[in-house]
Structure formats: C-alpha cells, structure tokens
Amino acid sequence: MSETWPAGRVSVDLERSLTQPPKVDHIVSSALLETDLFRAIFNRLGDAVFVVDPVGEEFIDVNEQACELLGYSRSALMETGPVGVHPHEVLMWRQIVGAALRDRSVRTTELSCRTANGDLLPVEVAATTIEIEGKACVIFAVRDITERKRIQREGSVLAEIGAVLGGTLAIEEVYQQFADQVQKLIPSDRIVISDVDYDAGTITPVYIAGLPIDGWPPDTPHLLASTPLENVVRYRTPLVMNFGESARLAQA
C-alpha cells in the first residue's frame, strides 16, 4: 500500500499505524449506526462529521452538516472521498489519521477542504478512533473557521496600519502605506484621504490612490455643504456611491 504513497515519514508512520493494533476507546456495531436514533443524533450534531476507513481511504459515513458545509449531496461526497476533499493536503491528512490511530485522538488542527464548487474552505479538525465491527475507523469533526481567519487577517492589517501611523515616515509615505493596508481589507479602485476644516466648512483631498476624480484634484478645498460627503463627515453616516455618481463630487 505504501508503494502508491509519496515516500517519506508520513507514509511510514501511517503504514505502521495501520499494521499495529489501533488504540480505540469506543466499539460499536454497524447495526447501531443504522438505527433511527443514531441517525437523528448524528445529523443534528453541530459540527460536520466524517467517518473514515483509513485503509481504503474512503468515507464510511458523513452527516448532513458535512454535506452542507462542502456543498455536496451525500452520495457525491461519499464518492469524492477524503483524498478528493483534501487533494492539496493529502500528506497532512494521512499524518492526522496515523496519529489518531496511534494515540486514540488528535486535538484540533487546521486543514482546508475543497468544496463542491472548487473553493478552498479553511477548517479546524479533531480526530478520534472508533472500532466498527472489528475495523478501526477514524472520526473527523470539522468546523468552518472562515470568520476566524477573516478576523485574524483584519487584526493583522489593523496592526500594520497602526505601525504605519505611529512611524516616522514622511507624510506621503504614510498615506501610501495606509492606502496599501486598507486595500487588503476593502479592495477598491480608489482611496481618498481628505483633510476636514470644520470651522471653514471645507474638505480638501490630500491624497488620492487609484482612479482620479475629474475636478477633484488633491489640495483643492471644497465646501462640505455642496458635496454628498457632508453627512459622512458631520454625522459619521455611511455613504455608498456608484462609480458614475462620483461626478457629483466634481460638480461641488
């Protein structure tokens, strides 16, 4: 079996785990898995769950959350199998399987799954072993961590922005690096940094990154009252404008 796997420690460790008696804490019969009570509980678990045959590298069972998470029908997901779900991280997946068979369980670690539409979904997985009709199997509990990753990226970008603003760079370099970091959070065609003079009631663009606005050059003050930005500045009210509406700024 190992002859078809990439050479290396992962292959050797997993082969050793498959040939040695696995450590299991739970033994169940296949008849139990087909009972209505078990199916009801299995499909109402909060996490996506995959029951894996480590020898054949195929799914024995998946719950409804697993199908919903990856966008497959149950039959399509069963046919895809774990290697199809983790085509780019097969070695890591096999390493987790080997560790679970060796140590009974694996605490949470990060992987990514390929969804039915081809996207890569970041997930957190935990694995444990179970014996079904004398066969050692591995159960994967999988949780979507897309939102956690987004928050981590935003935190990293905000830290970079803080470092830029707190640095000693020339102001033009500060603006440029600030705009670069904001682009990571909010991809856009244009970023404008403006100076607001509340006493004079004016707004002056001091830096423009990206597409220019005709009639709205840097360092030219405009009366706030004559632009759509007045409520944004005075009342912190969000404003969404279509690209064509930027002409309203030029008319100010």
C-alpha atoms as a PDB file:
ATOM      1  CA  MET A   1       0.000   0.000   0.000  1.00  0.00           C
ATOM      2  CA  SER A   2       2.766   2.410   0.853  1.00  0.00           C
ATOM      3  CA  GLU A   3       4.234   1.901  -2.599  1.00  0.00           C
ATOM      4  CA  THR A   4       1.497   4.096  -4.051  1.00  0.00           C
ATOM      5  CA  TRP A   5       2.070   6.874  -1.482  1.00  0.00           C
ATOM      6  CA  PRO A   6       4.722   9.579  -1.657  1.00  0.00           C
ATOM      7  CA  ALA A   7       7.863   8.424   0.119  1.00  0.00           C
ATOM      8  CA  GLY A   8       8.662   9.897   3.484  1.00  0.00           C
ATOM      9  CA  ARG A   9       7.923   9.784   7.151  1.00  0.00           C
ATOM     10  CA  VAL A  10       4.176  10.307   6.801  1.00  0.00           C
ATOM     11  CA  SER A  11       3.862   7.186   4.631  1.00  0.00           C
ATOM     12  CA  VAL A  12       5.981   5.113   7.003  1.00  0.00           C
ATOM     13  CA  ASP A  13       4.163   6.321  10.135  1.00  0.00           C
ATOM     14  CA  LEU A  14       0.737   5.686   8.665  1.00  0.00           C
ATOM     15  CA  GLU A  15       1.677   2.221   7.423  1.00  0.00           C
ATOM     16  CA  ARG A  16       2.986   1.380  10.896  1.00  0.00           C
ATOM     17  CA  SER A  17      -0.250   2.690  12.447  1.00  0.00           C
ATOM     18  CA  LEU A  18      -2.327   0.537  10.092  1.00  0.00           C
ATOM     19  CA  THR A  19      -0.349  -2.655  10.753  1.00  0.00           C
ATOM     20  CA  GLN A  20      -0.215  -2.278  14.550  1.00  0.00           C
ATOM     21  CA  PRO A  21      -3.317  -2.813  16.725  1.00  0.00           C
ATOM     22  CA  PRO A  22      -5.007   0.589  16.989  1.00  0.00           C
ATOM     23  CA  LYS A  23      -5.905   2.181  20.287  1.00  0.00           C
ATOM     24  CA  VAL A  24      -9.672   2.686  20.467  1.00  0.00           C
ATOM     25  CA  ASP A  25     -11.917   3.877  23.255  1.00  0.00           C
ATOM     26  CA  HIS A  26     -15.272   3.068  21.621  1.00  0.00           C
ATOM     27  CA  ILE A  27     -16.541  -0.099  19.970  1.00  0.00           C
ATOM     28  CA  VAL A  28     -19.871  -0.040  18.141  1.00  0.00           C
ATOM     29  CA  SER A  29     -21.768  -2.344  15.828  1.00  0.00           C
ATOM     30  CA  SER A  30     -22.747  -1.414  12.284  1.00  0.00           C
ATOM     31  CA  ALA A  31     -26.370  -2.182  13.234  1.00  0.00           C
ATOM     32  CA  LEU A  32     -26.309   0.678  15.745  1.00  0.00           C
ATOM     33  CA  LEU A  33     -25.193   3.092  13.050  1.00  0.00           C
ATOM     34  CA  GLU A  34     -28.336   2.372  11.063  1.00  0.00           C
ATOM     35  CA  THR A  35     -30.836   2.960  13.865  1.00  0.00           C
ATOM     36  CA  ASP A  36     -33.177   5.934  13.587  1.00  0.00           C
ATOM     37  CA  LEU A  37     -32.000   7.268  16.943  1.00  0.00           C
ATOM     38  CA  PHE A  38     -28.344   7.221  15.921  1.00  0.00           C
ATOM     39  CA  ARG A  39     -29.074   8.831  12.541  1.00  0.00           C
ATOM     40  CA  ALA A  40     -31.113  11.581  14.225  1.00  0.00           C
ATOM     41  CA  ILE A  41     -28.307  12.368  16.677  1.00  0.00           C
ATOM     42  CA  PHE A  42     -25.596  12.067  14.023  1.00  0.00           C
ATOM     43  CA  ASN A  43     -27.325  14.503  11.680  1.00  0.00           C
ATOM     44  CA  ARG A  44     -28.056  17.039  14.421  1.00  0.00           C
ATOM     45  CA  LEU A  45     -24.506  17.404  15.670  1.00  0.00           C
ATOM     46  CA  GLY A  46     -23.224  20.965  15.489  1.00  0.00           C
ATOM     47  CA  ASP A  47     -20.068  20.049  13.555  1.00  0.00           C
ATOM     48  CA  ALA A  48     -19.558  18.379  10.219  1.00  0.00           C
ATOM     49  CA  VAL A  49     -18.619  14.748  10.899  1.00  0.00           C
ATOM     50  CA  PHE A  50     -16.804  12.326   8.600  1.00  0.00           C
ATOM     51  CA  VAL A  51     -16.306   8.637   9.470  1.00  0.00           C
ATOM     52  CA  VAL A  52     -13.277   7.363   7.579  1.00  0.00           C
ATOM     53  CA  ASP A  53     -11.899   3.956   6.679  1.00  0.00           C
ATOM     54  CA  PRO A  54      -8.142   4.622   6.995  1.00  0.00           C
ATOM     55  CA  VAL A  55      -7.150   1.569   4.947  1.00  0.00           C
ATOM     56  CA  GLY A  56      -9.337   2.208   1.930  1.00  0.00           C
ATOM     57  CA  GLU A  57      -9.144   5.979   2.396  1.00  0.00           C
ATOM     58  CA  GLU A  58     -12.870   6.345   1.890  1.00  0.00           C
ATOM     59  CA  PHE A  59     -15.808   7.748   3.784  1.00  0.00           C
ATOM     60  CA  ILE A  60     -17.908   5.206   5.688  1.00  0.00           C
ATOM     61  CA  ASP A  61     -20.417   7.880   6.652  1.00  0.00           C
ATOM     62  CA  VAL A  62     -20.933  11.641   6.684  1.00  0.00           C
ATOM     63  CA  ASN A  63     -23.594  13.696   8.400  1.00  0.00           C
ATOM     64  CA  GLU A  64     -25.866  16.373   6.955  1.00  0.00           C
ATOM     65  CA  GLN A  65     -23.660  19.179   8.271  1.00  0.00           C
ATOM     66  CA  ALA A  66     -20.722  17.776   6.296  1.00  0.00           C
ATOM     67  CA  CYS A  67     -22.760  17.824   3.081  1.00  0.00           C
ATOM     68  CA  GLU A  68     -23.997  21.347   3.768  1.00  0.00           C
ATOM     69  CA  LEU A  69     -20.539  22.634   4.698  1.00  0.00           C
ATOM     70  CA  LEU A  70     -18.949  21.460   1.449  1.00  0.00           C
ATOM     71  CA  GLY A  71     -21.970  21.844  -0.831  1.00  0.00           C
ATOM     72  CA  TYR A  72     -22.208  18.182  -1.885  1.00  0.00           C
ATOM     73  CA  SER A  73     -25.089  15.778  -1.929  1.00  0.00           C
ATOM     74  CA  ARG A  74     -24.439  12.856   0.390  1.00  0.00           C
ATOM     75  CA  SER A  75     -23.838  10.446  -2.479  1.00  0.00           C
ATOM     76  CA  ALA A  76     -21.444  12.865  -4.219  1.00  0.00           C
ATOM     77  CA  LEU A  77     -19.483  13.465  -1.025  1.00  0.00           C
ATOM     78  CA  MET A  78     -19.209   9.740  -0.303  1.00  0.00           C
ATOM     79  CA  GLU A  79     -17.921   9.213  -3.842  1.00  0.00           C
ATOM     80  CA  THR A  80     -15.448  12.106  -3.608  1.00  0.00           C
ATOM     81  CA  GLY A  81     -13.789  10.637  -0.523  1.00  0.00           C
ATOM     82  CA  PRO A  82     -11.247  12.240   1.808  1.00  0.00           C
ATOM     83  CA  VAL A  83      -8.477  12.453  -0.797  1.00  0.00           C
ATOM     84  CA  GLY A  84     -10.834  14.377  -3.075  1.00  0.00           C
ATOM     85  CA  VAL A  85     -11.777  16.721  -0.238  1.00  0.00           C
ATOM     86  CA  HIS A  86      -8.128  17.329   0.704  1.00  0.00           C
ATOM     87  CA  PRO A  87      -6.305  16.922  -2.650  1.00  0.00           C
ATOM     88  CA  HIS A  88      -3.708  19.567  -1.807  1.00  0.00           C
ATOM     89  CA  GLU A  89      -3.094  18.345   1.784  1.00  0.00           C
ATOM     90  CA  VAL A  90      -3.222  14.575   1.431  1.00  0.00           C
ATOM     91  CA  LEU A  91       0.031  14.052   3.331  1.00  0.00           C
ATOM     92  CA  MET A  92      -1.139  16.167   6.248  1.00  0.00           C
ATOM     93  CA  TRP A  93      -4.485  14.364   6.297  1.00  0.00           C
ATOM     94  CA  ARG A  94      -2.716  10.987   6.364  1.00  0.00           C
ATOM     95  CA  GLN A  95      -0.493  12.210   9.168  1.00  0.00           C
ATOM     96  CA  ILE A  96      -3.578  13.096  11.227  1.00  0.00           C
ATOM     97  CA  VAL A  97      -5.090   9.667  10.509  1.00  0.00           C
ATOM     98  CA  GLY A  98      -1.879   7.933  11.590  1.00  0.00           C
ATOM     99  CA  ALA A  99      -1.660  10.000  14.776  1.00  0.00           C
ATOM    100  CA  ALA A 100      -5.297   9.256  15.632  1.00  0.00           C
ATOM    101  CA  LEU A 101      -4.763   5.511  15.189  1.00  0.00           C
ATOM    102  CA  ARG A 102      -1.596   5.657  17.269  1.00  0.00           C
ATOM    103  CA  ASP A 103      -2.766   7.956  20.067  1.00  0.00           C
ATOM    104  CA  ARG A 104      -6.573   7.405  20.047  1.00  0.00           C
ATOM    105  CA  SER A 105      -7.228  11.039  19.161  1.00  0.00           C
ATOM    106  CA  VAL A 106      -5.796  14.202  17.670  1.00  0.00           C
ATOM    107  CA  ARG A 107      -6.585  17.584  19.111  1.00  0.00           C
ATOM    108  CA  THR A 108      -7.733  20.368  16.850  1.00  0.00           C
ATOM    109  CA  THR A 109      -5.532  21.277  13.945  1.00  0.00           C
ATOM    110  CA  GLU A 110      -6.104  23.307  10.806  1.00  0.00           C
ATOM    111  CA  LEU A 111      -6.695  21.977   7.305  1.00  0.00           C
ATOM    112  CA  SER A 112      -8.624  23.165   4.294  1.00  0.00           C
ATOM    113  CA  CYS A 113     -11.348  21.383   2.347  1.00  0.00           C
ATOM    114  CA  ARG A 114     -12.210  21.666  -1.316  1.00  0.00           C
ATOM    115  CA  THR A 115     -15.901  22.426  -1.685  1.00  0.00           C
ATOM    116  CA  ALA A 116     -18.167  21.210  -4.474  1.00  0.00           C
ATOM    117  CA  ASN A 117     -17.620  24.460  -6.392  1.00  0.00           C
ATOM    118  CA  GLY A 118     -13.838  24.195  -6.108  1.00  0.00           C
ATOM    119  CA  ASP A 119     -13.254  26.763  -3.370  1.00  0.00           C
ATOM    120  CA  LEU A 120     -10.832  26.025  -0.535  1.00  0.00           C
ATOM    121  CA  LEU A 121     -12.506  26.307   2.859  1.00  0.00           C
ATOM    122  CA  PRO A 122     -10.323  26.781   5.963  1.00  0.00           C
ATOM    123  CA  VAL A 123     -11.392  24.368   8.694  1.00  0.00           C
ATOM    124  CA  GLU A 124     -10.391  23.137  12.112  1.00  0.00           C
ATOM    125  CA  VAL A 125     -10.450  19.366  12.593  1.00  0.00           C
ATOM    126  CA  ALA A 126     -10.286  16.985  15.520  1.00  0.00           C
ATOM    127  CA  ALA A 127      -9.948  13.225  15.059  1.00  0.00           C
ATOM    128  CA  THR A 128     -10.623  10.188  17.217  1.00  0.00           C
ATOM    129  CA  THR A 129     -10.684   6.435  16.650  1.00  0.00           C
ATOM    130  CA  ILE A 130     -13.638   4.098  16.876  1.00  0.00           C
ATOM    131  CA  GLU A 131     -13.990   0.373  16.188  1.00  0.00           C
ATOM    132  CA  ILE A 132     -16.857  -0.722  13.944  1.00  0.00           C
ATOM    133  CA  GLU A 133     -17.323  -4.494  13.534  1.00  0.00           C
ATOM    134  CA  GLY A 134     -13.679  -5.104  14.367  1.00  0.00           C
ATOM    135  CA  LYS A 135     -12.409  -2.427  11.971  1.00  0.00           C
ATOM    136  CA  ALA A 136     -10.552   0.626  13.270  1.00  0.00           C
ATOM    137  CA  CYS A 137     -12.058   3.809  11.843  1.00  0.00           C
ATOM    138  CA  VAL A 138     -11.302   7.473  12.336  1.00  0.00           C
ATOM    139  CA  ILE A 139     -13.970  10.076  13.042  1.00  0.00           C
ATOM    140  CA  PHE A 140     -13.244  13.643  11.943  1.00  0.00           C
ATOM    141  CA  ALA A 141     -15.160  16.559  13.481  1.00  0.00           C
ATOM    142  CA  VAL A 142     -14.756  19.548  11.170  1.00  0.00           C
ATOM    143  CA  ARG A 143     -15.593  23.205  11.823  1.00  0.00           C
ATOM    144  CA  ASP A 144     -15.559  26.150   9.425  1.00  0.00           C
ATOM    145  CA  ILE A 145     -13.079  28.825  10.585  1.00  0.00           C
ATOM    146  CA  THR A 146     -13.534  31.260   7.698  1.00  0.00           C
ATOM    147  CA  GLU A 147     -14.768  34.014  10.010  1.00  0.00           C
ATOM    148  CA  ARG A 148     -11.920  33.442  12.462  1.00  0.00           C
ATOM    149  CA  LYS A 149      -9.403  33.705   9.628  1.00  0.00           C
ATOM    150  CA  ARG A 150     -11.047  36.919   8.404  1.00  0.00           C
ATOM    151  CA  ILE A 151     -10.805  38.466  11.868  1.00  0.00           C
ATOM    152  CA  GLN A 152      -7.166  37.388  12.140  1.00  0.00           C
ATOM    153  CA  ARG A 153      -6.360  38.969   8.772  1.00  0.00           C
ATOM    154  CA  GLU A 154      -8.139  42.175   9.710  1.00  0.00           C
ATOM    155  CA  GLY A 155      -6.319  42.286  13.035  1.00  0.00           C
ATOM    156  CA  SER A 156      -3.004  41.869  11.259  1.00  0.00           C
ATOM    157  CA  VAL A 157      -3.842  44.627   8.775  1.00  0.00           C
ATOM    158  CA  LEU A 158      -5.019  46.980  11.533  1.00  0.00           C
ATOM    159  CA  ALA A 159      -1.774  46.335  13.397  1.00  0.00           C
ATOM    160  CA  GLU A 160       0.127  47.252  10.238  1.00  0.00           C
ATOM    161  CA  ILE A 161      -1.945  50.413   9.883  1.00  0.00           C
ATOM    162  CA  GLY A 162      -1.177  51.314  13.485  1.00  0.00           C
ATOM    163  CA  ALA A 163       2.528  50.776  12.849  1.00  0.00           C
ATOM    164  CA  VAL A 164       2.369  52.987   9.750  1.00  0.00           C
ATOM    165  CA  LEU A 165       0.534  55.791  11.525  1.00  0.00           C
ATOM    166  CA  GLY A 166       2.849  55.594  14.509  1.00  0.00           C
ATOM    167  CA  GLY A 167       6.006  55.586  12.429  1.00  0.00           C
ATOM    168  CA  THR A 168       8.321  58.392  11.444  1.00  0.00           C
ATOM    169  CA  LEU A 169       7.853  58.225   7.682  1.00  0.00           C
ATOM    170  CA  ALA A 170       7.233  61.248   5.500  1.00  0.00           C
ATOM    171  CA  ILE A 171       3.527  62.003   5.252  1.00  0.00           C
ATOM    172  CA  GLU A 172       3.267  60.884   1.597  1.00  0.00           C
ATOM    173  CA  GLU A 173       4.787  57.524   2.515  1.00  0.00           C
ATOM    174  CA  VAL A 174       2.360  57.235   5.437  1.00  0.00           C
ATOM    175  CA  TYR A 175      -0.577  57.870   3.100  1.00  0.00           C
ATOM    176  CA  GLN A 176       0.712  55.353   0.557  1.00  0.00           C
ATOM    177  CA  GLN A 177       1.307  52.581   3.088  1.00  0.00           C
ATOM    178  CA  PHE A 178      -2.000  53.334   4.791  1.00  0.00           C
ATOM    179  CA  ALA A 179      -3.798  53.019   1.440  1.00  0.00           C
ATOM    180  CA  ASP A 180      -1.980  49.750   0.710  1.00  0.00           C
ATOM    181  CA  GLN A 181      -3.136  48.244   4.004  1.00  0.00           C
ATOM    182  CA  VAL A 182      -6.718  49.452   3.609  1.00  0.00           C
ATOM    183  CA  GLN A 183      -6.800  47.810   0.164  1.00  0.00           C
ATOM    184  CA  LYS A 184      -6.209  44.472   1.879  1.00  0.00           C
ATOM    185  CA  LEU A 185      -9.361  44.970   3.945  1.00  0.00           C
ATOM    186  CA  ILE A 186     -11.528  46.715   1.360  1.00  0.00           C
ATOM    187  CA  PRO A 187     -10.478  46.092  -2.246  1.00  0.00           C
ATOM    188  CA  SER A 188     -11.311  49.222  -4.229  1.00  0.00           C
ATOM    189  CA  ASP A 189     -10.447  51.272  -7.315  1.00  0.00           C
ATOM    190  CA  ARG A 190      -9.821  54.476  -5.375  1.00  0.00           C
ATOM    191  CA  ILE A 191      -8.868  55.581  -1.870  1.00  0.00           C
ATOM    192  CA  VAL A 192      -9.065  59.261  -0.972  1.00  0.00           C
ATOM    193  CA  ILE A 193      -7.660  60.767   2.228  1.00  0.00           C
ATOM    194  CA  SER A 194      -9.081  64.204   2.959  1.00  0.00           C
ATOM    195  CA  ASP A 195      -8.499  66.954   5.486  1.00  0.00           C
ATOM    196  CA  VAL A 196     -11.628  68.472   7.025  1.00  0.00           C
ATOM    197  CA  ASP A 197     -11.739  72.055   8.294  1.00  0.00           C
ATOM    198  CA  TYR A 198     -14.862  72.205  10.443  1.00  0.00           C
ATOM    199  CA  ASP A 199     -14.550  75.951  11.083  1.00  0.00           C
ATOM    200  CA  ALA A 200     -14.333  76.785   7.381  1.00  0.00           C
ATOM    201  CA  GLY A 201     -16.759  74.016   6.429  1.00  0.00           C
ATOM    202  CA  THR A 202     -14.410  72.628   3.788  1.00  0.00           C
ATOM    203  CA  ILE A 203     -12.987  69.262   2.808  1.00  0.00           C
ATOM    204  CA  THR A 204      -9.666  69.012   0.997  1.00  0.00           C
ATOM    205  CA  PRO A 205      -8.370  65.795  -0.608  1.00  0.00           C
ATOM    206  CA  VAL A 206      -4.728  65.487   0.355  1.00  0.00           C
ATOM    207  CA  TYR A 207      -4.009  62.065  -1.135  1.00  0.00           C
ATOM    208  CA  ILE A 208      -5.677  60.006  -3.882  1.00  0.00           C
ATOM    209  CA  ALA A 209      -4.685  56.423  -4.665  1.00  0.00           C
ATOM    210  CA  GLY A 210      -6.141  54.785  -7.742  1.00  0.00           C
ATOM    211  CA  LEU A 211      -8.531  56.289 -10.255  1.00  0.00           C
ATOM    212  CA  PRO A 212      -8.639  60.105 -10.219  1.00  0.00           C
ATOM    213  CA  ILE A 213     -11.834  62.179  -9.983  1.00  0.00           C
ATOM    214  CA  ASP A 214     -12.125  64.885 -12.606  1.00  0.00           C
ATOM    215  CA  GLY A 215     -12.438  68.282 -10.959  1.00  0.00           C
ATOM    216  CA  TRP A 216     -11.390  66.883  -7.560  1.00  0.00           C
ATOM    217  CA  PRO A 217      -7.593  67.257  -7.533  1.00  0.00           C
ATOM    218  CA  PRO A 218      -5.512  66.974  -4.357  1.00  0.00           C
ATOM    219  CA  ASP A 219      -5.031  70.073  -2.196  1.00  0.00           C
ATOM    220  CA  THR A 220      -8.142  71.818  -3.547  1.00  0.00           C
ATOM    221  CA  PRO A 221     -10.701  72.696  -0.838  1.00  0.00           C
ATOM    222  CA  HIS A 222     -14.429  72.155  -1.443  1.00  0.00           C
ATOM    223  CA  LEU A 223     -17.381  73.339   0.595  1.00  0.00           C
ATOM    224  CA  LEU A 224     -18.753  70.407   2.571  1.00  0.00           C
ATOM    225  CA  ALA A 225     -22.306  71.659   2.147  1.00  0.00           C
ATOM    226  CA  SER A 226     -22.021  71.284  -1.629  1.00  0.00           C
ATOM    227  CA  THR A 227     -20.873  67.635  -1.577  1.00  0.00           C
ATOM    228  CA  PRO A 228     -22.557  64.321  -0.724  1.00  0.00           C
ATOM    229  CA  LEU A 229     -19.878  63.876   1.966  1.00  0.00           C
ATOM    230  CA  GLU A 230     -21.335  66.393   4.405  1.00  0.00           C
ATOM    231  CA  ASN A 231     -23.382  63.831   6.357  1.00  0.00           C
ATOM    232  CA  VAL A 232     -20.478  61.377   6.289  1.00  0.00           C
ATOM    233  CA  VAL A 233     -18.162  63.920   7.915  1.00  0.00           C
ATOM    234  CA  ARG A 234     -20.569  65.600  10.313  1.00  0.00           C
ATOM    235  CA  TYR A 235     -22.667  62.637  11.448  1.00  0.00           C
ATOM    236  CA  ARG A 236     -20.458  59.630  10.654  1.00  0.00           C
ATOM    237  CA  THR A 237     -23.188  58.383   8.305  1.00  0.00           C
ATOM    238  CA  PRO A 238     -22.079  55.709   5.799  1.00  0.00           C
ATOM    239  CA  LEU A 239     -22.447  56.554   2.117  1.00  0.00           C
ATOM    240  CA  VAL A 240     -22.436  54.177  -0.831  1.00  0.00           C
ATOM    241  CA  MET A 241     -21.982  55.745  -4.273  1.00  0.00           C
ATOM    242  CA  ASN A 242     -21.948  54.166  -7.707  1.00  0.00           C
ATOM    243  CA  PHE A 243     -18.917  54.869  -9.856  1.00  0.00           C
ATOM    244  CA  GLY A 244     -20.891  57.251 -12.077  1.00  0.00           C
ATOM    245  CA  GLU A 245     -22.051  59.230  -9.070  1.00  0.00           C
ATOM    246  CA  SER A 246     -18.521  60.431  -8.371  1.00  0.00           C
ATOM    247  CA  ALA A 247     -19.295  63.177 -10.873  1.00  0.00           C
ATOM    248  CA  ARG A 248     -21.350  64.737  -8.101  1.00  0.00           C
ATOM    249  CA  LEU A 249     -18.090  65.411  -6.276  1.00  0.00           C
ATOM    250  CA  ALA A 250     -16.583  67.085  -9.310  1.00  0.00           C
ATOM    251  CA  GLN A 251     -19.573  69.416  -9.542  1.00  0.00           C
ATOM    252  CA  ALA A 252     -19.025  70.662  -5.992  1.00  0.00           C
END
